[in-house]
Amino acid sequence: MAGVAGRGAGRDGRPTLEQVAARAGVGRGTVSRVINGSPRVSDRTRAAVQQAIADLGYVPHRAARALAANRSDAIALVVPEPEHRLFAEPFFSGIIRGVSAELADTDIQLLLTLIRTPKERARFAQYAASHRVDGVLLISVHGDDPLPDQLSEAGIPVVMTGRRSADERVPYVDCDNTGGAQLAVEHLLGRGRTTVATITGPADMYVAQCRLAGYREAMRAAGREDSDELIARGDFTEESGYSAMKELLRRRPSLDAVFCASDLMAVGARRALREQGRTVPEDVALVGFEDSPLARHLDPPLTSVSQPTEGMGRAMTRSLLSEISNGGEERPQLVLPTELVRRPSS
């Protein structure tokens, strides 16, 4: 056996494709077809090749297999946001955990890419179009971002977390943002709060538009005031929540409840309330969105709308892998449910 293993062995001493072919009594191309799962091989020949692989301990060269299949065995996770948001906001880490968990039992590599400028967007689009990755996962896409369409038109499988609009054509995995916001506001009104304000997200993000729509719908359904004076704009960051809360208190000092469209903005709002001498929940009830670890550790613990962040990461990864395997025939669009987790802040 030592003599057989030595003839034609690779430079690192490992068995080669040629050795497997010689042992099985077939050509090199037949071995390649068996390894790549081709149906154009008889059962008897397939069994002989598989036995030869087992006898020699042959391990297929992953890069060569990927090249033969016109695959890179890699997908890109693209975040069109600055670094400080990626590492500060629990939403992103939750999505990344879900994506990584779904890829754990595969041979696929995950490439994390930040896109902050039009130049970086164009460079990535060119990189992806050159088949350096098999597909793309997009997180936190703004309404005017052309990248999803550029990738889709280039025939590159792509799945987004969230949507750019109600008419989104690119595959996505989202959560029920409107329904979740309604749950939050209905809860505050049900607790006897009379002046409920909201701190919403960026106007160019559909997720923020939906959460604001849910706030408005709940207020109108209850016959309560739906005034722009009770709406302050943030950008999902802690500092924007802090600034928005101070603005709301200036406009309407009598407010007694706030629904924040993210837990991180609720953290900022809590800081502003404390500086103004307002207690939570005695003076002002507070509700967030996401149910991140921050919600559990805030003082007092934060009532929050729970969205399945890791589940979204897993679902979008499954959708992308399915799209890659099926040549883009499936273009899934999923909306996952939300629920309200009640804690002492409200």
Protein backbone atom coordinates (compact mmCIF):
# COMPACT_ATOMS: atom_id res chain seq x y z
CA MET A 1 0.00 0.00 0.00
CA ALA A 2 2.87 2.38 0.75
CA GLY A 3 4.09 2.05 -2.82
CA VAL A 4 0.66 2.83 -4.23
CA ALA A 5 0.29 5.86 -1.99
CA GLY A 6 3.67 7.18 -2.99
CA ARG A 7 3.24 7.14 -6.77
CA GLY A 8 1.83 10.42 -8.02
CA ALA A 9 1.18 11.76 -4.51
CA GLY A 10 0.83 15.48 -4.06
CA ARG A 11 3.70 17.63 -2.79
CA ASP A 12 2.27 17.47 0.72
CA GLY A 13 2.11 13.64 0.55
CA ARG A 14 -1.67 13.51 0.39
CA PRO A 15 -3.44 11.17 -2.09
CA THR A 16 -4.31 12.76 -5.43
CA LEU A 17 -7.20 12.50 -7.87
CA GLU A 18 -4.97 10.45 -10.18
CA GLN A 19 -4.31 7.88 -7.45
CA VAL A 20 -8.04 7.50 -6.78
CA ALA A 21 -8.66 7.02 -10.52
CA ALA A 22 -5.91 4.36 -10.78
CA ARG A 23 -7.18 2.45 -7.77
CA ALA A 24 -10.79 2.50 -9.01
CA GLY A 25 -9.75 1.60 -12.56
CA VAL A 26 -11.43 4.64 -14.11
CA GLY A 27 -10.41 7.92 -15.67
CA ARG A 28 -9.67 11.13 -13.78
CA GLY A 29 -12.82 12.77 -15.21
CA THR A 30 -15.01 9.97 -13.84
CA VAL A 31 -13.62 10.52 -10.34
CA SER A 32 -14.31 14.24 -10.67
CA ARG A 33 -17.92 13.56 -11.69
CA VAL A 34 -18.46 11.30 -8.68
CA ILE A 35 -17.01 13.89 -6.30
CA ASN A 36 -19.21 16.63 -7.76
CA GLY A 37 -22.37 14.49 -7.59
CA SER A 38 -22.92 14.13 -11.31
CA PRO A 39 -25.69 11.67 -12.28
CA ARG A 40 -23.71 10.64 -15.39
CA VAL A 41 -22.00 7.77 -13.55
CA SER A 42 -23.26 4.19 -13.08
CA ASP A 43 -23.95 2.96 -9.56
CA ARG A 44 -21.22 0.32 -9.90
CA THR A 45 -18.59 2.87 -10.97
CA ARG A 46 -19.69 5.34 -8.29
CA ALA A 47 -19.29 2.63 -5.62
CA ALA A 48 -15.81 1.74 -6.91
CA VAL A 49 -14.68 5.38 -6.82
CA GLN A 50 -16.13 5.95 -3.34
CA GLN A 51 -14.35 2.83 -2.08
CA ALA A 52 -11.06 4.05 -3.56
CA ILE A 53 -11.55 7.42 -1.87
CA ALA A 54 -12.17 5.70 1.46
CA ASP A 55 -9.19 3.32 1.06
CA LEU A 56 -6.73 6.10 0.22
CA GLY A 57 -8.17 8.73 2.56
CA TYR A 58 -8.50 11.18 -0.33
CA VAL A 59 -9.83 14.66 0.53
CA PRO A 60 -11.09 16.70 -2.47
CA HIS A 61 -9.41 20.05 -2.97
CA ARG A 62 -12.13 22.54 -2.06
CA ALA A 63 -10.90 25.35 -4.28
CA ALA A 64 -10.69 23.08 -7.31
CA ARG A 65 -14.21 21.78 -6.68
CA ALA A 66 -15.56 25.27 -6.37
CA LEU A 67 -13.82 26.31 -9.59
CA ALA A 68 -15.21 23.32 -11.46
CA ALA A 69 -18.71 24.13 -10.26
CA ASN A 70 -18.26 27.86 -11.01
CA ARG A 71 -18.71 28.52 -7.28
CA SER A 72 -16.61 30.46 -4.80
CA ASP A 73 -18.04 28.77 -1.67
CA ALA A 74 -18.31 32.21 -0.09
CA ILE A 75 -21.11 34.69 0.58
CA ALA A 76 -20.82 38.34 1.54
CA LEU A 77 -22.62 39.98 4.46
CA VAL A 78 -22.87 43.65 3.52
CA VAL A 79 -23.63 46.43 6.01
CA PRO A 80 -24.05 49.91 4.43
CA GLU A 81 -23.35 51.66 7.75
CA PRO A 82 -20.28 53.12 9.53
CA GLU A 83 -18.20 50.96 11.87
CA HIS A 84 -19.46 52.57 15.08
CA ARG A 85 -23.03 51.47 14.33
CA LEU A 86 -22.03 47.92 13.45
CA PHE A 87 -20.26 47.41 16.77
CA ALA A 88 -22.58 49.48 18.98
CA GLU A 89 -26.04 48.27 17.96
CA PRO A 90 -27.25 44.87 19.21
CA PHE A 91 -29.35 44.38 16.06
CA PHE A 92 -26.28 43.84 13.89
CA SER A 93 -24.60 41.39 16.27
CA GLY A 94 -27.84 39.40 16.50
CA ILE A 95 -28.13 39.12 12.72
CA ILE A 96 -24.48 38.11 12.41
CA ARG A 97 -24.90 35.41 15.08
CA GLY A 98 -27.88 34.00 13.18
CA VAL A 99 -26.03 34.01 9.85
CA SER A 100 -22.93 32.39 11.36
CA ALA A 101 -25.00 29.71 13.11
CA GLU A 102 -26.78 28.80 9.88
CA LEU A 103 -23.46 28.49 8.03
CA ALA A 104 -21.74 26.50 10.79
CA ASP A 105 -22.40 23.10 9.20
CA THR A 106 -21.49 24.19 5.67
CA ASP A 107 -18.17 24.76 3.88
CA ILE A 108 -19.17 28.32 2.97
CA GLN A 109 -17.01 31.24 4.05
CA LEU A 110 -18.63 34.47 5.32
CA LEU A 111 -17.13 37.78 4.20
CA LEU A 112 -18.14 40.87 6.21
CA THR A 113 -18.13 44.08 4.17
CA LEU A 114 -18.88 47.64 5.27
CA ILE A 115 -20.04 50.11 2.63
CA ARG A 116 -19.94 53.79 3.60
CA THR A 117 -19.50 55.69 0.33
CA PRO A 118 -20.73 55.49 -3.30
CA LYS A 119 -17.18 54.56 -4.30
CA GLU A 120 -17.17 51.59 -1.92
CA ARG A 121 -20.61 50.55 -3.19
CA ALA A 122 -19.43 50.59 -6.81
CA ARG A 123 -16.27 48.69 -5.91
CA PHE A 124 -18.23 45.97 -4.12
CA ALA A 125 -20.75 45.66 -6.97
CA GLN A 126 -17.85 45.08 -9.37
CA TYR A 127 -16.25 42.59 -6.97
CA ALA A 128 -19.48 40.59 -6.63
CA ALA A 129 -20.12 40.66 -10.39
CA SER A 130 -16.75 39.00 -10.96
CA HIS A 131 -18.10 35.91 -9.14
CA ARG A 132 -15.90 36.33 -6.06
CA VAL A 133 -18.95 35.39 -3.96
CA ASP A 134 -21.92 33.10 -4.62
CA GLY A 135 -24.45 35.44 -3.06
CA VAL A 136 -24.96 38.52 -0.89
CA LEU A 137 -26.79 39.21 2.38
CA LEU A 138 -27.68 42.88 2.87
CA ILE A 139 -28.46 44.46 6.26
CA SER A 140 -29.88 47.91 7.07
CA VAL A 141 -30.61 49.00 3.51
CA HIS A 142 -31.85 52.57 3.05
CA GLY A 143 -34.66 53.47 0.65
CA ASP A 144 -32.45 55.00 -2.04
CA ASP A 145 -29.77 52.30 -2.05
CA PRO A 146 -29.30 50.97 -5.62
CA LEU A 147 -27.05 48.05 -4.61
CA PRO A 148 -29.80 45.40 -4.25
CA ASP A 149 -31.03 46.10 -7.78
CA GLN A 150 -27.48 46.25 -9.18
CA LEU A 151 -26.69 42.83 -7.74
CA SER A 152 -30.02 41.31 -8.78
CA GLU A 153 -29.70 42.62 -12.35
CA ALA A 154 -26.19 41.13 -12.51
CA GLY A 155 -27.67 37.71 -11.68
CA ILE A 156 -26.14 37.58 -8.20
CA PRO A 157 -28.41 35.95 -5.58
CA VAL A 158 -29.22 38.49 -2.87
CA VAL A 159 -31.42 38.54 0.24
CA MET A 160 -32.02 41.58 2.45
CA THR A 161 -32.91 42.04 6.10
CA GLY A 162 -35.87 44.38 5.83
CA ARG A 163 -37.24 46.20 2.80
CA ARG A 164 -36.75 49.51 1.02
CA SER A 165 -40.47 49.95 0.37
CA ALA A 166 -43.82 48.15 0.38
CA ASP A 167 -43.19 47.24 -3.28
CA GLU A 168 -39.82 45.58 -2.73
CA ARG A 169 -38.94 43.11 -5.50
CA VAL A 170 -35.64 41.80 -4.13
CA PRO A 171 -35.93 38.80 -1.75
CA TYR A 172 -36.04 39.79 1.93
CA VAL A 173 -36.66 38.64 5.48
CA ASP A 174 -38.42 41.21 7.65
CA CYS A 175 -40.41 41.34 10.88
CA ASP A 176 -43.87 42.78 11.53
CA ASN A 177 -42.70 46.30 12.36
CA THR A 178 -46.11 47.94 12.05
CA GLY A 179 -47.86 45.34 14.19
CA GLY A 180 -45.10 45.44 16.80
CA ALA A 181 -45.35 49.22 17.13
CA GLN A 182 -49.12 48.95 17.50
CA LEU A 183 -48.66 46.45 20.34
CA ALA A 184 -46.31 48.84 22.12
CA VAL A 185 -48.62 51.86 21.88
CA GLU A 186 -51.75 49.88 22.74
CA HIS A 187 -49.94 48.64 25.85
CA LEU A 188 -49.06 52.20 26.93
CA LEU A 189 -52.62 53.42 26.35
CA GLY A 190 -53.95 50.38 28.19
CA ARG A 191 -51.84 51.35 31.20
CA GLY A 192 -53.73 54.65 31.40
CA ARG A 193 -51.14 56.89 29.72
CA THR A 194 -52.74 59.91 28.08
CA THR A 195 -49.97 61.68 26.15
CA VAL A 196 -47.93 59.09 24.25
CA ALA A 197 -44.99 60.33 22.15
CA THR A 198 -42.66 58.42 19.87
CA ILE A 199 -39.01 58.56 18.83
CA THR A 200 -38.77 57.10 15.36
CA GLY A 201 -35.95 56.09 13.02
CA PRO A 202 -34.53 57.61 9.80
CA ALA A 203 -37.17 58.79 7.34
CA ASP A 204 -35.44 57.01 4.43
CA MET A 205 -35.71 53.55 6.03
CA TYR A 206 -38.90 51.55 5.52
CA VAL A 207 -38.51 49.90 8.92
CA ALA A 208 -38.77 53.33 10.56
CA GLN A 209 -41.74 54.26 8.38
CA CYS A 210 -43.57 51.08 9.44
CA ARG A 211 -42.93 51.61 13.14
CA LEU A 212 -44.18 55.18 12.87
CA ALA A 213 -47.24 53.96 10.96
CA GLY A 214 -47.96 51.46 13.75
CA TYR A 215 -47.77 54.26 16.33
CA ARG A 216 -50.16 56.44 14.34
CA GLU A 217 -52.63 53.61 13.73
CA ALA A 218 -52.78 52.70 17.43
CA MET A 219 -53.27 56.32 18.47
CA ARG A 220 -56.04 56.91 15.93
CA ALA A 221 -57.80 53.64 16.78
CA ALA A 222 -57.94 54.75 20.41
CA GLY A 223 -59.23 58.20 19.48
CA ARG A 224 -56.07 59.84 20.84
CA GLU A 225 -54.15 62.84 19.60
CA ASP A 226 -51.95 62.08 16.58
CA SER A 227 -49.80 65.20 16.49
CA ASP A 228 -46.43 65.83 14.85
CA GLU A 229 -45.52 67.58 18.09
CA LEU A 230 -45.41 64.14 19.72
CA ILE A 231 -43.10 62.67 17.07
CA ALA A 232 -39.31 63.16 17.17
CA ARG A 233 -36.88 61.78 14.62
CA GLY A 234 -33.87 59.67 15.58
CA ASP A 235 -31.50 57.37 13.68
CA PHE A 236 -31.57 54.24 15.90
CA THR A 237 -28.50 55.40 17.89
CA GLU A 238 -28.35 56.17 21.62
CA GLU A 239 -27.35 59.81 21.08
CA SER A 240 -30.27 60.41 18.72
CA GLY A 241 -32.64 59.00 21.35
CA TYR A 242 -31.16 61.35 23.93
CA SER A 243 -31.54 64.41 21.68
CA ALA A 244 -35.04 63.44 20.55
CA MET A 245 -36.22 62.94 24.13
CA LYS A 246 -35.00 66.39 25.14
CA GLU A 247 -36.83 67.86 22.14
CA LEU A 248 -40.06 66.07 23.06
CA LEU A 249 -39.87 67.34 26.65
CA ARG A 250 -39.36 70.87 25.38
CA ARG A 251 -42.37 70.62 23.07
CA ARG A 252 -44.70 68.76 25.42
CA PRO A 253 -43.56 68.76 29.07
CA SER A 254 -46.77 66.95 30.09
CA LEU A 255 -46.06 63.76 28.10
CA ASP A 256 -46.32 60.61 30.20
CA ALA A 257 -45.21 57.83 27.81
CA VAL A 258 -42.74 57.31 24.95
CA PHE A 259 -42.47 54.52 22.41
CA CYS A 260 -38.91 54.36 21.02
CA ALA A 261 -38.39 52.59 17.70
CA SER A 262 -35.21 50.90 19.01
CA ASP A 263 -33.89 49.82 22.39
CA LEU A 264 -30.72 51.85 21.87
CA MET A 265 -32.76 55.04 21.39
CA ALA A 266 -34.70 54.12 24.55
CA VAL A 267 -31.38 54.03 26.44
CA GLY A 268 -30.68 57.58 25.26
CA ALA A 269 -34.21 58.66 26.11
CA ARG A 270 -33.85 57.20 29.61
CA ARG A 271 -30.71 59.29 30.15
CA ALA A 272 -32.45 62.48 29.03
CA LEU A 273 -35.43 61.79 31.32
CA ARG A 274 -33.13 61.24 34.27
CA GLU A 275 -31.34 64.53 33.61
CA GLN A 276 -34.72 66.28 33.59
CA GLY A 277 -35.67 64.71 36.90
CA ARG A 278 -38.35 62.44 35.38
CA THR A 279 -38.70 58.96 36.82
CA VAL A 280 -39.51 55.82 34.81
CA PRO A 281 -42.24 54.60 34.88
CA GLU A 282 -43.81 56.86 37.50
CA ASP A 283 -43.57 60.07 35.46
CA VAL A 284 -42.93 58.66 31.99
CA ALA A 285 -43.49 55.08 30.81
CA LEU A 286 -40.94 53.84 28.28
CA VAL A 287 -41.11 51.10 25.61
CA GLY A 288 -38.44 50.08 23.09
CA PHE A 289 -38.22 47.83 20.05
CA GLU A 290 -35.99 44.77 19.52
CA ASP A 291 -35.81 43.25 23.01
CA SER A 292 -32.02 43.28 22.96
CA PRO A 293 -29.88 42.46 26.04
CA LEU A 294 -29.88 46.21 26.70
CA ALA A 295 -33.59 46.02 27.51
CA ARG A 296 -33.04 43.52 30.30
CA HIS A 297 -30.18 45.48 31.88
CA LEU A 298 -31.63 48.99 31.75
CA ASP A 299 -32.75 50.54 35.06
CA PRO A 300 -35.63 49.84 35.28
CA PRO A 301 -35.72 46.90 32.83
CA LEU A 302 -37.24 48.01 29.53
CA THR A 303 -40.54 46.83 28.08
CA SER A 304 -39.72 46.10 24.43
CA VAL A 305 -41.15 44.64 21.24
CA SER A 306 -39.31 41.41 20.60
CA GLN A 307 -38.20 40.73 17.04
CA PRO A 308 -36.45 37.42 16.24
CA THR A 309 -33.13 39.00 15.26
CA GLU A 310 -31.07 35.82 15.21
CA GLY A 311 -34.00 34.04 13.58
CA MET A 312 -33.99 36.69 10.85
CA GLY A 313 -30.28 36.07 10.27
CA ARG A 314 -30.88 32.34 10.01
CA ALA A 315 -33.90 32.74 7.73
CA MET A 316 -32.17 35.09 5.31
CA THR A 317 -29.19 32.73 5.12
CA ARG A 318 -31.44 29.74 4.38
CA SER A 319 -33.21 31.79 1.73
CA LEU A 320 -29.94 32.80 0.10
CA LEU A 321 -28.55 29.26 0.08
CA SER A 322 -31.79 28.04 -1.48
CA GLU A 323 -31.63 30.78 -4.11
CA ILE A 324 -28.02 29.85 -4.92
CA SER A 325 -28.86 26.14 -5.22
CA ASN A 326 -31.95 26.73 -7.37
CA GLY A 327 -30.38 29.22 -9.73
CA GLY A 328 -32.54 32.10 -8.56
CA GLU A 329 -35.84 30.35 -9.29
CA GLU A 330 -37.03 30.96 -5.71
CA ARG A 331 -37.25 34.59 -4.54
CA PRO A 332 -38.64 34.35 -1.01
CA GLN A 333 -40.12 37.30 0.87
CA LEU A 334 -40.76 36.52 4.54
CA VAL A 335 -42.27 38.57 7.38
CA LEU A 336 -41.70 37.14 10.88
CA PRO A 337 -43.98 37.92 13.85
CA THR A 338 -43.21 40.23 16.78
CA GLU A 339 -44.44 40.22 20.37
CA LEU A 340 -44.39 42.57 23.35
CA VAL A 341 -42.21 41.67 26.35
CA ARG A 342 -43.49 43.56 29.40
CA ARG A 343 -41.06 44.83 32.03
CA PRO A 344 -41.11 47.49 34.81
CA SER A 345 -40.36 50.50 32.53
CA SER A 346 -44.03 50.67 31.53
